[in-house]
Amino acid sequence: MNKTDRLYSLGFKEVINLHDGQRLGYIRDVEIELETGVVKSLVIPGKLRFFGLFGREDDLVIPWDAIEKMGDDIIFVRFQPPVRRKNAEKRNFSLY
C-alpha cells in the first residue's frame, strides 16, 4: 500500500489468486489488531448460491502475509483456500 492509501480504497480493488488464477472478488472488510493497528487479514464475501436465493458461501479470509503485490486496481495474493468436501458422509456408506 502507498503511504496515501486508506483502508476504504481497498474495497475498490479486485483480488486475484496467483495460486490458481481465480478471481476471488472485492474486499468487503479487513481484520485489524487493535493494540498495534496492524492489518491482519482481508475478508472477501462468499459466492452467491443459486443467484442469491440460497444465501452465500462462507466468507474468504486471506492472511495479510499472502499478499504478493498491490496495484492501483488489483491485489495479487498467493493463497490456497481450504478444500471443502461436500457430501463426505455419502461417500462412506454401503448398501450391504
PDB file of N, CA and C in Angstrom:
ATOM      1  N   MET A   1       0.835  -1.183   0.000  1.00  0.00           N
ATOM      2  CA  MET A   1       0.000   0.000   0.000  1.00  0.00           C
ATOM      3  C   MET A   1       0.874   1.239   0.000  1.00  0.00           C
ATOM      4  N   ASN A   2       0.457   2.232  -0.727  1.00  0.00           N
ATOM      5  CA  ASN A   2       1.161   3.504  -0.704  1.00  0.00           C
ATOM      6  C   ASN A   2       0.891   4.213   0.613  1.00  0.00           C
ATOM      7  N   LYS A   3       1.702   5.205   0.916  1.00  0.00           N
ATOM      8  CA  LYS A   3       1.501   5.949   2.155  1.00  0.00           C
ATOM      9  C   LYS A   3       0.176   6.692   2.157  1.00  0.00           C
ATOM     10  N   THR A   4      -0.333   7.033   0.984  1.00  0.00           N
ATOM     11  CA  THR A   4      -1.571   7.799   0.906  1.00  0.00           C
ATOM     12  C   THR A   4      -2.813   6.914   0.772  1.00  0.00           C
ATOM     13  N   ASP A   5      -2.647   5.592   0.646  1.00  0.00           N
ATOM     14  CA  ASP A   5      -3.805   4.702   0.552  1.00  0.00           C
ATOM     15  C   ASP A   5      -4.516   4.615   1.896  1.00  0.00           C
ATOM     16  N   ARG A   6      -5.808   4.387   1.813  1.00  0.00           N
ATOM     17  CA  ARG A   6      -6.613   4.213   3.008  1.00  0.00           C
ATOM     18  C   ARG A   6      -7.321   2.866   2.928  1.00  0.00           C
ATOM     19  N   LEU A   7      -7.769   2.381   4.061  1.00  0.00           N
ATOM     20  CA  LEU A   7      -8.475   1.105   4.064  1.00  0.00           C
ATOM     21  C   LEU A   7      -9.714   1.159   3.184  1.00  0.00           C
ATOM     22  N   TYR A   8     -10.340   2.311   3.121  1.00  0.00           N
ATOM     23  CA  TYR A   8     -11.530   2.475   2.288  1.00  0.00           C
ATOM     24  C   TYR A   8     -11.240   2.142   0.831  1.00  0.00           C
ATOM     25  N   SER A   9     -10.055   2.529   0.351  1.00  0.00           N
ATOM     26  CA  SER A   9      -9.718   2.309  -1.056  1.00  0.00           C
ATOM     27  C   SER A   9      -9.491   0.835  -1.379  1.00  0.00           C
ATOM     28  N   LEU A  10      -9.249  -0.008  -0.382  1.00  0.00           N
ATOM     29  CA  LEU A  10      -9.065  -1.434  -0.631  1.00  0.00           C
ATOM     30  C   LEU A  10     -10.325  -2.077  -1.198  1.00  0.00           C
ATOM     31  N   GLY A  11     -11.480  -1.576  -0.849  1.00  0.00           N
ATOM     32  CA  GLY A  11     -12.743  -2.142  -1.305  1.00  0.00           C
ATOM     33  C   GLY A  11     -12.975  -2.026  -2.800  1.00  0.00           C
ATOM     34  N   PHE A  12     -12.206  -1.176  -3.468  1.00  0.00           N
ATOM     35  CA  PHE A  12     -12.364  -0.978  -4.903  1.00  0.00           C
ATOM     36  C   PHE A  12     -11.346  -1.770  -5.713  1.00  0.00           C
ATOM     37  N   LYS A  13     -10.565  -2.609  -5.035  1.00  0.00           N
ATOM     38  CA  LYS A  13      -9.538  -3.398  -5.716  1.00  0.00           C
ATOM     39  C   LYS A  13      -9.978  -4.852  -5.795  1.00  0.00           C
ATOM     40  N   GLU A  14      -9.791  -5.435  -6.971  1.00  0.00           N
ATOM     41  CA  GLU A  14     -10.143  -6.840  -7.162  1.00  0.00           C
ATOM     42  C   GLU A  14      -8.980  -7.715  -6.710  1.00  0.00           C
ATOM     43  N   VAL A  15      -9.305  -8.845  -6.088  1.00  0.00           N
ATOM     44  CA  VAL A  15      -8.288  -9.755  -5.592  1.00  0.00           C
ATOM     45  C   VAL A  15      -8.177 -10.947  -6.535  1.00  0.00           C
ATOM     46  N   ILE A  16      -6.951 -11.213  -6.999  1.00  0.00           N
ATOM     47  CA  ILE A  16      -6.661 -12.326  -7.900  1.00  0.00           C
ATOM     48  C   ILE A  16      -5.714 -13.281  -7.182  1.00  0.00           C
ATOM     49  N   ASN A  17      -6.030 -14.580  -7.224  1.00  0.00           N
ATOM     50  CA  ASN A  17      -5.199 -15.589  -6.588  1.00  0.00           C
ATOM     51  C   ASN A  17      -4.160 -16.100  -7.592  1.00  0.00           C
ATOM     52  N   LEU A  18      -2.901 -15.927  -7.291  1.00  0.00           N
ATOM     53  CA  LEU A  18      -1.833 -16.395  -8.170  1.00  0.00           C
ATOM     54  C   LEU A  18      -1.655 -17.907  -8.099  1.00  0.00           C
ATOM     55  N   HIS A  19      -2.204 -18.531  -7.076  1.00  0.00           N
ATOM     56  CA  HIS A  19      -2.093 -19.983  -6.914  1.00  0.00           C
ATOM     57  C   HIS A  19      -2.813 -20.716  -8.050  1.00  0.00           C
ATOM     58  N   ASP A  20      -4.024 -20.233  -8.399  1.00  0.00           N
ATOM     59  CA  ASP A  20      -4.795 -20.896  -9.450  1.00  0.00           C
ATOM     60  C   ASP A  20      -5.376 -19.929 -10.488  1.00  0.00           C
ATOM     61  N   GLY A  21      -5.070 -18.643 -10.385  1.00  0.00           N
ATOM     62  CA  GLY A  21      -5.549 -17.659 -11.346  1.00  0.00           C
ATOM     63  C   GLY A  21      -6.993 -17.242 -11.158  1.00  0.00           C
ATOM     64  N   GLN A  22      -7.611 -17.649 -10.080  1.00  0.00           N
ATOM     65  CA  GLN A  22      -9.031 -17.372  -9.854  1.00  0.00           C
ATOM     66  C   GLN A  22      -9.242 -15.939  -9.375  1.00  0.00           C
ATOM     67  N   ARG A  23     -10.325 -15.339  -9.876  1.00  0.00           N
ATOM     68  CA  ARG A  23     -10.744 -14.026  -9.405  1.00  0.00           C
ATOM     69  C   ARG A  23     -11.564 -14.252  -8.142  1.00  0.00           C
ATOM     70  N   LEU A  24     -11.075 -13.767  -7.011  1.00  0.00           N
ATOM     71  CA  LEU A  24     -11.727 -14.030  -5.734  1.00  0.00           C
ATOM     72  C   LEU A  24     -12.822 -13.028  -5.410  1.00  0.00           C
ATOM     73  N   GLY A  25     -12.728 -11.836  -5.934  1.00  0.00           N
ATOM     74  CA  GLY A  25     -13.753 -10.830  -5.686  1.00  0.00           C
ATOM     75  C   GLY A  25     -13.151  -9.551  -5.137  1.00  0.00           C
ATOM     76  N   TYR A  26     -13.997  -8.749  -4.526  1.00  0.00           N
ATOM     77  CA  TYR A  26     -13.590  -7.468  -3.971  1.00  0.00           C
ATOM     78  C   TYR A  26     -13.617  -7.533  -2.453  1.00  0.00           C
ATOM     79  N   ILE A  27     -12.761  -6.785  -1.821  1.00  0.00           N
ATOM     80  CA  ILE A  27     -12.632  -6.804  -0.369  1.00  0.00           C
ATOM     81  C   ILE A  27     -13.851  -6.140   0.262  1.00  0.00           C
ATOM     82  N   ARG A  28     -14.431  -6.813   1.251  1.00  0.00           N
ATOM     83  CA  ARG A  28     -15.563  -6.250   1.977  1.00  0.00           C
ATOM     84  C   ARG A  28     -15.151  -5.726   3.342  1.00  0.00           C
ATOM     85  N   ASP A  29     -14.128  -6.364   3.933  1.00  0.00           N
ATOM     86  CA  ASP A  29     -13.750  -5.999   5.293  1.00  0.00           C
ATOM     87  C   ASP A  29     -12.284  -6.336   5.505  1.00  0.00           C
ATOM     88  N   VAL A  30     -11.709  -5.801   6.562  1.00  0.00           N
ATOM     89  CA  VAL A  30     -10.347  -6.146   6.962  1.00  0.00           C
ATOM     90  C   VAL A  30     -10.366  -6.458   8.454  1.00  0.00           C
ATOM     91  N   GLU A  31      -9.458  -7.312   8.879  1.00  0.00           N
ATOM     92  CA  GLU A  31      -9.295  -7.606  10.299  1.00  0.00           C
ATOM     93  C   GLU A  31      -8.048  -6.882  10.777  1.00  0.00           C
ATOM     94  N   ILE A  32      -8.196  -6.110  11.860  1.00  0.00           N
ATOM     95  CA  ILE A  32      -7.107  -5.280  12.374  1.00  0.00           C
ATOM     96  C   ILE A  32      -6.843  -5.649  13.823  1.00  0.00           C
ATOM     97  N   GLU A  33      -5.569  -5.748  14.184  1.00  0.00           N
ATOM     98  CA  GLU A  33      -5.188  -5.936  15.581  1.00  0.00           C
ATOM     99  C   GLU A  33      -5.271  -4.570  16.257  1.00  0.00           C
ATOM    100  N   LEU A  34      -6.166  -4.427  17.205  1.00  0.00           N
ATOM    101  CA  LEU A  34      -6.458  -3.111  17.769  1.00  0.00           C
ATOM    102  C   LEU A  34      -5.305  -2.521  18.575  1.00  0.00           C
ATOM    103  N   GLU A  35      -4.535  -3.346  19.255  1.00  0.00           N
ATOM    104  CA  GLU A  35      -3.454  -2.814  20.085  1.00  0.00           C
ATOM    105  C   GLU A  35      -2.363  -2.149  19.246  1.00  0.00           C
ATOM    106  N   THR A  36      -2.050  -2.739  18.092  1.00  0.00           N
ATOM    107  CA  THR A  36      -0.950  -2.227  17.272  1.00  0.00           C
ATOM    108  C   THR A  36      -1.419  -1.504  16.014  1.00  0.00           C
ATOM    109  N   GLY A  37      -2.662  -1.707  15.608  1.00  0.00           N
ATOM    110  CA  GLY A  37      -3.173  -1.097  14.384  1.00  0.00           C
ATOM    111  C   GLY A  37      -2.724  -1.805  13.122  1.00  0.00           C
ATOM    112  N   VAL A  38      -2.226  -3.029  13.256  1.00  0.00           N
ATOM    113  CA  VAL A  38      -1.714  -3.790  12.114  1.00  0.00           C
ATOM    114  C   VAL A  38      -2.859  -4.548  11.451  1.00  0.00           C
ATOM    115  N   VAL A  39      -2.929  -4.467  10.120  1.00  0.00           N
ATOM    116  CA  VAL A  39      -3.936  -5.220   9.364  1.00  0.00           C
ATOM    117  C   VAL A  39      -3.517  -6.683   9.349  1.00  0.00           C
ATOM    118  N   LYS A  40      -4.403  -7.570   9.798  1.00  0.00           N
ATOM    119  CA  LYS A  40      -4.097  -8.994   9.886  1.00  0.00           C
ATOM    120  C   LYS A  40      -4.570  -9.774   8.674  1.00  0.00           C
ATOM    121  N   SER A  41      -5.739  -9.440   8.128  1.00  0.00           N
ATOM    122  CA  SER A  41      -6.269 -10.199   7.000  1.00  0.00           C
ATOM    123  C   SER A  41      -7.307  -9.392   6.234  1.00  0.00           C
ATOM    124  N   LEU A  42      -7.563  -9.853   5.018  1.00  0.00           N
ATOM    125  CA  LEU A  42      -8.598  -9.278   4.158  1.00  0.00           C
ATOM    126  C   LEU A  42      -9.775 -10.246   4.136  1.00  0.00           C
ATOM    127  N   VAL A  43     -10.981  -9.716   4.090  1.00  0.00           N
ATOM    128  CA  VAL A  43     -12.188 -10.549   4.062  1.00  0.00           C
ATOM    129  C   VAL A  43     -12.935 -10.282   2.757  1.00  0.00           C
ATOM    130  N   ILE A  44     -13.185 -11.370   2.026  1.00  0.00           N
ATOM    131  CA  ILE A  44     -13.912 -11.295   0.758  1.00  0.00           C
ATOM    132  C   ILE A  44     -15.216 -12.065   0.939  1.00  0.00           C
ATOM    133  N   PRO A  45     -16.359 -11.477   0.562  1.00  0.00           N
ATOM    134  CA  PRO A  45     -17.631 -12.192   0.739  1.00  0.00           C
ATOM    135  C   PRO A  45     -17.685 -13.463  -0.096  1.00  0.00           C
ATOM    136  N   GLY A  46     -18.373 -14.469   0.441  1.00  0.00           N
ATOM    137  CA  GLY A  46     -18.528 -15.736  -0.269  1.00  0.00           C
ATOM    138  C   GLY A  46     -19.384 -15.586  -1.511  1.00  0.00           C
ATOM    139  N   LYS A  47     -19.242 -16.549  -2.408  1.00  0.00           N
ATOM    140  CA  LYS A  47     -20.005 -16.528  -3.658  1.00  0.00           C
ATOM    141  C   LYS A  47     -21.482 -16.794  -3.386  1.00  0.00           C
ATOM    142  N   LEU A  48     -22.321 -16.226  -4.243  1.00  0.00           N
ATOM    143  CA  LEU A  48     -23.762 -16.434  -4.127  1.00  0.00           C
ATOM    144  C   LEU A  48     -24.125 -17.873  -4.501  1.00  0.00           C
ATOM    145  N   ARG A  49     -25.106 -18.410  -3.814  1.00  0.00           N
ATOM    146  CA  ARG A  49     -25.620 -19.739  -4.140  1.00  0.00           C
ATOM    147  C   ARG A  49     -26.922 -19.577  -4.911  1.00  0.00           C
ATOM    148  N   PHE A  50     -26.972 -20.131  -6.098  1.00  0.00           N
ATOM    149  CA  PHE A  50     -28.150 -20.105  -6.965  1.00  0.00           C
ATOM    150  C   PHE A  50     -28.768 -18.714  -7.033  1.00  0.00           C
ATOM    151  N   PHE A  51     -28.008 -17.790  -7.600  1.00  0.00           N
ATOM    152  CA  PHE A  51     -28.439 -16.405  -7.816  1.00  0.00           C
ATOM    153  C   PHE A  51     -28.805 -15.680  -6.524  1.00  0.00           C
ATOM    154  N   GLY A  52     -28.256 -16.113  -5.411  1.00  0.00           N
ATOM    155  CA  GLY A  52     -28.503 -15.459  -4.134  1.00  0.00           C
ATOM    156  C   GLY A  52     -29.737 -15.922  -3.410  1.00  0.00           C
ATOM    157  N   LEU A  53     -30.502 -16.816  -4.007  1.00  0.00           N
ATOM    158  CA  LEU A  53     -31.725 -17.292  -3.349  1.00  0.00           C
ATOM    159  C   LEU A  53     -31.429 -18.182  -2.142  1.00  0.00           C
ATOM    160  N   PHE A  54     -30.288 -18.855  -2.159  1.00  0.00           N
ATOM    161  CA  PHE A  54     -29.924 -19.747  -1.060  1.00  0.00           C
ATOM    162  C   PHE A  54     -28.765 -19.186  -0.240  1.00  0.00           C
ATOM    163  N   GLY A  55     -28.617 -17.876  -0.238  1.00  0.00           N
ATOM    164  CA  GLY A  55     -27.587 -17.231   0.569  1.00  0.00           C
ATOM    165  C   GLY A  55     -26.233 -17.237  -0.104  1.00  0.00           C
ATOM    166  N   ARG A  56     -25.216 -17.201   0.724  1.00  0.00           N
ATOM    167  CA  ARG A  56     -23.836 -17.153   0.256  1.00  0.00           C
ATOM    168  C   ARG A  56     -23.028 -18.275   0.879  1.00  0.00           C
ATOM    169  N   GLU A  57     -21.898 -18.561   0.239  1.00  0.00           N
ATOM    170  CA  GLU A  57     -20.912 -19.439   0.847  1.00  0.00           C
ATOM    171  C   GLU A  57     -20.220 -18.661   1.958  1.00  0.00           C
ATOM    172  N   ASP A  58     -19.366 -19.335   2.724  1.00  0.00           N
ATOM    173  CA  ASP A  58     -18.627 -18.666   3.791  1.00  0.00           C
ATOM    174  C   ASP A  58     -17.692 -17.619   3.215  1.00  0.00           C
ATOM    175  N   ASP A  59     -17.455 -16.562   4.007  1.00  0.00           N
ATOM    176  CA  ASP A  59     -16.513 -15.529   3.590  1.00  0.00           C
ATOM    177  C   ASP A  59     -15.114 -16.121   3.496  1.00  0.00           C
ATOM    178  N   LEU A  60     -14.313 -15.555   2.620  1.00  0.00           N
ATOM    179  CA  LEU A  60     -12.945 -15.995   2.431  1.00  0.00           C
ATOM    180  C   LEU A  60     -12.035 -15.029   3.181  1.00  0.00           C
ATOM    181  N   VAL A  61     -11.256 -15.544   4.121  1.00  0.00           N
ATOM    182  CA  VAL A  61     -10.340 -14.722   4.909  1.00  0.00           C
ATOM    183  C   VAL A  61      -8.921 -15.001   4.427  1.00  0.00           C
ATOM    184  N   ILE A  62      -8.273 -13.970   3.933  1.00  0.00           N
ATOM    185  CA  ILE A  62      -6.935 -14.097   3.363  1.00  0.00           C
ATOM    186  C   ILE A  62      -5.938 -13.399   4.294  1.00  0.00           C
ATOM    187  N   PRO A  63      -4.956 -14.129   4.803  1.00  0.00           N
ATOM    188  CA  PRO A  63      -3.955 -13.505   5.685  1.00  0.00           C
ATOM    189  C   PRO A  63      -3.162 -12.417   4.958  1.00  0.00           C
ATOM    190  N   TRP A  64      -2.784 -11.387   5.688  1.00  0.00           N
ATOM    191  CA  TRP A  64      -2.029 -10.280   5.112  1.00  0.00           C
ATOM    192  C   TRP A  64      -0.715 -10.762   4.509  1.00  0.00           C
ATOM    193  N   ASP A  65      -0.123 -11.797   5.086  1.00  0.00           N
ATOM    194  CA  ASP A  65       1.147 -12.335   4.581  1.00  0.00           C
ATOM    195  C   ASP A  65       1.005 -12.961   3.202  1.00  0.00           C
ATOM    196  N   ALA A  66      -0.205 -13.285   2.777  1.00  0.00           N
ATOM    197  CA  ALA A  66      -0.426 -13.926   1.474  1.00  0.00           C
ATOM    198  C   ALA A  66      -0.419 -12.922   0.323  1.00  0.00           C
ATOM    199  N   ILE A  67      -0.398 -11.630   0.630  1.00  0.00           N
ATOM    200  CA  ILE A  67      -0.404 -10.608  -0.417  1.00  0.00           C
ATOM    201  C   ILE A  67       0.964 -10.567  -1.090  1.00  0.00           C
ATOM    202  N   GLU A  68       0.955 -10.704  -2.413  1.00  0.00           N
ATOM    203  CA  GLU A  68       2.191 -10.664  -3.192  1.00  0.00           C
ATOM    204  C   GLU A  68       2.459  -9.259  -3.734  1.00  0.00           C
ATOM    205  N   LYS A  69       1.409  -8.628  -4.282  1.00  0.00           N
ATOM    206  CA  LYS A  69       1.584  -7.329  -4.932  1.00  0.00           C
ATOM    207  C   LYS A  69       0.274  -6.568  -4.902  1.00  0.00           C
ATOM    208  N   MET A  70       0.354  -5.259  -4.653  1.00  0.00           N
ATOM    209  CA  MET A  70      -0.814  -4.387  -4.698  1.00  0.00           C
ATOM    210  C   MET A  70      -0.615  -3.356  -5.790  1.00  0.00           C
ATOM    211  N   GLY A  71      -1.582  -3.293  -6.697  1.00  0.00           N
ATOM    212  CA  GLY A  71      -1.549  -2.280  -7.736  1.00  0.00           C
ATOM    213  C   GLY A  71      -2.640  -1.257  -7.498  1.00  0.00           C
ATOM    214  N   ASP A  72      -2.877  -0.424  -8.500  1.00  0.00           N
ATOM    215  CA  ASP A  72      -3.917   0.600  -8.381  1.00  0.00           C
ATOM    216  C   ASP A  72      -5.313  -0.014  -8.387  1.00  0.00           C
ATOM    217  N   ASP A  73      -5.502  -1.105  -9.150  1.00  0.00           N
ATOM    218  CA  ASP A  73      -6.825  -1.705  -9.293  1.00  0.00           C
ATOM    219  C   ASP A  73      -6.906  -3.154  -8.817  1.00  0.00           C
ATOM    220  N   ILE A  74      -5.765  -3.814  -8.655  1.00  0.00           N
ATOM    221  CA  ILE A  74      -5.750  -5.248  -8.391  1.00  0.00           C
ATOM    222  C   ILE A  74      -4.808  -5.560  -7.236  1.00  0.00           C
ATOM    223  N   ILE A  75      -5.187  -6.568  -6.459  1.00  0.00           N
ATOM    224  CA  ILE A  75      -4.314  -7.114  -5.425  1.00  0.00           C
ATOM    225  C   ILE A  75      -4.050  -8.565  -5.784  1.00  0.00           C
ATOM    226  N   PHE A  76      -2.770  -8.923  -5.917  1.00  0.00           N
ATOM    227  CA  PHE A  76      -2.396 -10.304  -6.194  1.00  0.00           C
ATOM    228  C   PHE A  76      -2.044 -10.990  -4.885  1.00  0.00           C
ATOM    229  N   VAL A  77      -2.650 -12.146  -4.651  1.00  0.00           N
ATOM    230  CA  VAL A  77      -2.363 -12.937  -3.459  1.00  0.00           C
ATOM    231  C   VAL A  77      -1.945 -14.335  -3.892  1.00  0.00           C
ATOM    232  N   ARG A  78      -1.185 -14.990  -3.054  1.00  0.00           N
ATOM    233  CA  ARG A  78      -0.839 -16.396  -3.273  1.00  0.00           C
ATOM    234  C   ARG A  78      -1.415 -17.132  -2.075  1.00  0.00           C
ATOM    235  N   PHE A  79      -2.561 -17.773  -2.317  1.00  0.00           N
ATOM    236  CA  PHE A  79      -3.357 -18.316  -1.224  1.00  0.00           C
ATOM    237  C   PHE A  79      -4.013 -19.596  -1.694  1.00  0.00           C
ATOM    238  N   GLN A  80      -3.897 -20.637  -0.891  1.00  0.00           N
ATOM    239  CA  GLN A  80      -4.579 -21.888  -1.208  1.00  0.00           C
ATOM    240  C   GLN A  80      -5.760 -22.017  -0.258  1.00  0.00           C
ATOM    241  N   PRO A  81      -6.980 -21.768  -0.764  1.00  0.00           N
ATOM    242  CA  PRO A  81      -8.148 -21.842   0.107  1.00  0.00           C
ATOM    243  C   PRO A  81      -8.352 -23.260   0.613  1.00  0.00           C
ATOM    244  N   PRO A  82      -8.961 -23.380   1.791  1.00  0.00           N
ATOM    245  CA  PRO A  82      -9.222 -24.718   2.320  1.00  0.00           C
ATOM    246  C   PRO A  82     -10.158 -25.499   1.404  1.00  0.00           C
ATOM    247  N   VAL A  83      -9.910 -26.786   1.285  1.00  0.00           N
ATOM    248  CA  VAL A  83     -10.733 -27.650   0.434  1.00  0.00           C
ATOM    249  C   VAL A  83     -12.009 -27.989   1.183  1.00  0.00           C
ATOM    250  N   ARG A  84     -13.131 -27.743   0.538  1.00  0.00           N
ATOM    251  CA  ARG A  84     -14.425 -28.069   1.140  1.00  0.00           C
ATOM    252  C   ARG A  84     -14.909 -29.376   0.562  1.00  0.00           C
ATOM    253  N   ARG A  85     -15.259 -30.305   1.409  1.00  0.00           N
ATOM    254  CA  ARG A  85     -15.769 -31.594   0.955  1.00  0.00           C
ATOM    255  C   ARG A  85     -17.281 -31.587   1.099  1.00  0.00           C
ATOM    256  N   LYS A  86     -17.946 -31.696  -0.018  1.00  0.00           N
ATOM    257  CA  LYS A  86     -19.399 -31.747   0.001  1.00  0.00           C
ATOM    258  C   LYS A  86     -19.837 -33.199  -0.012  1.00  0.00           C
ATOM    259  N   ASN A  87     -20.852 -33.500   0.750  1.00  0.00           N
ATOM    260  CA  ASN A  87     -21.435 -34.833   0.817  1.00  0.00           C
ATOM    261  C   ASN A  87     -20.405 -35.901   1.184  1.00  0.00           C
ATOM    262  N   ALA A  88     -19.519 -35.571   2.110  1.00  0.00           N
ATOM    263  CA  ALA A  88     -18.487 -36.529   2.513  1.00  0.00           C
ATOM    264  C   ALA A  88     -19.107 -37.755   3.175  1.00  0.00           C
ATOM    265  N   GLU A  89     -20.205 -37.550   3.883  1.00  0.00           N
ATOM    266  CA  GLU A  89     -20.830 -38.691   4.561  1.00  0.00           C
ATOM    267  C   GLU A  89     -21.473 -39.656   3.573  1.00  0.00           C
ATOM    268  N   LYS A  90     -21.846 -39.187   2.393  1.00  0.00           N
ATOM    269  CA  LYS A  90     -22.469 -40.062   1.401  1.00  0.00           C
ATOM    270  C   LYS A  90     -21.458 -40.996   0.744  1.00  0.00           C
ATOM    271  N   ARG A  91     -20.194 -40.659   0.779  1.00  0.00           N
ATOM    272  CA  ARG A  91     -19.170 -41.470   0.143  1.00  0.00           C
ATOM    273  C   ARG A  91     -18.830 -42.722   0.945  1.00  0.00           C
ATOM    274  N   ASN A  92     -19.141 -42.718   2.217  1.00  0.00           N
ATOM    275  CA  ASN A  92     -18.705 -43.804   3.092  1.00  0.00           C
ATOM    276  C   ASN A  92     -19.827 -44.779   3.436  1.00  0.00           C
ATOM    277  N   PHE A  93     -20.883 -44.807   2.685  1.00  0.00           N
ATOM    278  CA  PHE A  93     -21.963 -45.725   3.029  1.00  0.00           C
ATOM    279  C   PHE A  93     -21.888 -46.973   2.150  1.00  0.00           C
ATOM    280  N   SER A  94     -22.532 -48.002   2.632  1.00  0.00           N
ATOM    281  CA  SER A  94     -22.544 -49.272   1.906  1.00  0.00           C
ATOM    282  C   SER A  94     -23.977 -49.759   1.802  1.00  0.00           C
ATOM    283  N   LEU A  95     -24.294 -50.415   0.714  1.00  0.00           N
ATOM    284  CA  LEU A  95     -25.636 -50.954   0.539  1.00  0.00           C
ATOM    285  C   LEU A  95     -25.801 -52.320   1.226  1.00  0.00           C
ATOM    286  N   TYR A  96     -24.722 -52.905   1.656  1.00  0.00           N
ATOM    287  CA  TYR A  96     -24.795 -54.239   2.272  1.00  0.00           C
ATOM    288  C   TYR A  96     -24.576 -54.175   3.740  1.00  0.00           C
TER     289      TYR A  96
END
